[in-house]
């Protein structure tokens, strides 16, 4: 679920899918974090050597 290891949230007995999603809340999932880091790295490289 949401790119996390199998069973990370889904193996909790009695937890509905809605409850599983709620338990994850607004947390950052691995793919989202990777995309953000790639974007920041690209922006950093684009601005390398440019004085602010």
C-alpha atoms as a PDB file:
ATOM      1  CA  UNK A   1       0.000   0.000   0.000  1.00  0.00           C
ATOM      2  CA  UNK A   2       1.381   3.368  -1.075  1.00  0.00           C
ATOM      3  CA  UNK A   3       4.812   1.952  -1.900  1.00  0.00           C
ATOM      4  CA  UNK A   4       5.563   0.643   1.581  1.00  0.00           C
ATOM      5  CA  UNK A   5       6.739  -2.934   2.191  1.00  0.00           C
ATOM      6  CA  UNK A   6       4.036  -5.599   1.950  1.00  0.00           C
ATOM      7  CA  UNK A   7       2.180  -5.865   5.224  1.00  0.00           C
ATOM      8  CA  UNK A   8       3.510  -2.595   6.634  1.00  0.00           C
ATOM      9  CA  UNK A   9      -0.047  -1.455   7.316  1.00  0.00           C
ATOM     10  CA  UNK A  10      -2.127  -4.168   5.710  1.00  0.00           C
ATOM     11  CA  UNK A  11      -1.198  -7.006   8.079  1.00  0.00           C
ATOM     12  CA  UNK A  12      -2.868  -5.399  11.079  1.00  0.00           C
ATOM     13  CA  UNK A  13      -5.780  -7.689  12.031  1.00  0.00           C
ATOM     14  CA  UNK A  14      -9.191  -6.055  11.892  1.00  0.00           C
ATOM     15  CA  UNK A  15      -8.019  -2.857  10.194  1.00  0.00           C
ATOM     16  CA  UNK A  16     -10.243  -1.856   7.260  1.00  0.00           C
ATOM     17  CA  UNK A  17      -8.764  -0.325   4.121  1.00  0.00           C
ATOM     18  CA  UNK A  18     -10.175   3.035   5.172  1.00  0.00           C
ATOM     19  CA  UNK A  19      -8.529   2.693   8.585  1.00  0.00           C
ATOM     20  CA  UNK A  20      -5.248   1.663   6.919  1.00  0.00           C
ATOM     21  CA  UNK A  21      -5.250   4.801   4.771  1.00  0.00           C
ATOM     22  CA  UNK A  22      -6.157   6.923   7.779  1.00  0.00           C
ATOM     23  CA  UNK A  23      -3.289   5.380   9.768  1.00  0.00           C
ATOM     24  CA  UNK A  24      -0.882   6.461   7.035  1.00  0.00           C
ATOM     25  CA  UNK A  25      -2.292   9.969   7.283  1.00  0.00           C
ATOM     26  CA  UNK A  26      -0.366  12.666   5.479  1.00  0.00           C
ATOM     27  CA  UNK A  27       2.935  10.877   5.808  1.00  0.00           C
ATOM     28  CA  UNK A  28       5.391  10.939   2.960  1.00  0.00           C
ATOM     29  CA  UNK A  29       5.574   7.667   1.058  1.00  0.00           C
ATOM     30  CA  UNK A  30       8.854   6.415  -0.465  1.00  0.00           C
ATOM     31  CA  UNK A  31       8.056   7.326  -4.087  1.00  0.00           C
ATOM     32  CA  UNK A  32       6.961  10.821  -3.069  1.00  0.00           C
ATOM     33  CA  UNK A  33      10.129  11.362  -1.059  1.00  0.00           C
ATOM     34  CA  UNK A  34      12.327  10.108  -3.908  1.00  0.00           C
ATOM     35  CA  UNK A  35      10.601  12.397  -6.409  1.00  0.00           C
ATOM     36  CA  UNK A  36      11.016  15.392  -4.090  1.00  0.00           C
ATOM     37  CA  UNK A  37      14.722  14.690  -3.563  1.00  0.00           C
ATOM     38  CA  UNK A  38      15.297  14.294  -7.303  1.00  0.00           C
ATOM     39  CA  UNK A  39      13.530  17.601  -7.955  1.00  0.00           C
ATOM     40  CA  UNK A  40      15.559  19.393  -5.287  1.00  0.00           C
ATOM     41  CA  UNK A  41      18.818  17.911  -6.584  1.00  0.00           C
ATOM     42  CA  UNK A  42      18.003  18.959 -10.150  1.00  0.00           C
ATOM     43  CA  UNK A  43      17.156  22.489  -9.025  1.00  0.00           C
ATOM     44  CA  UNK A  44      20.334  22.640  -6.986  1.00  0.00           C
ATOM     45  CA  UNK A  45      22.438  21.605  -9.973  1.00  0.00           C
ATOM     46  CA  UNK A  46      20.645  24.065 -12.262  1.00  0.00           C
ATOM     47  CA  UNK A  47      21.526  26.894  -9.890  1.00  0.00           C
ATOM     48  CA  UNK A  48      25.078  25.758  -9.154  1.00  0.00           C
ATOM     49  CA  UNK A  49      27.529  28.610  -9.357  1.00  0.00           C
ATOM     50  CA  UNK A  50      24.846  31.291  -9.491  1.00  0.00           C
ATOM     51  CA  UNK A  51      25.034  33.887  -6.725  1.00  0.00           C
ATOM     52  CA  UNK A  52      21.742  34.699  -5.025  1.00  0.00           C
END
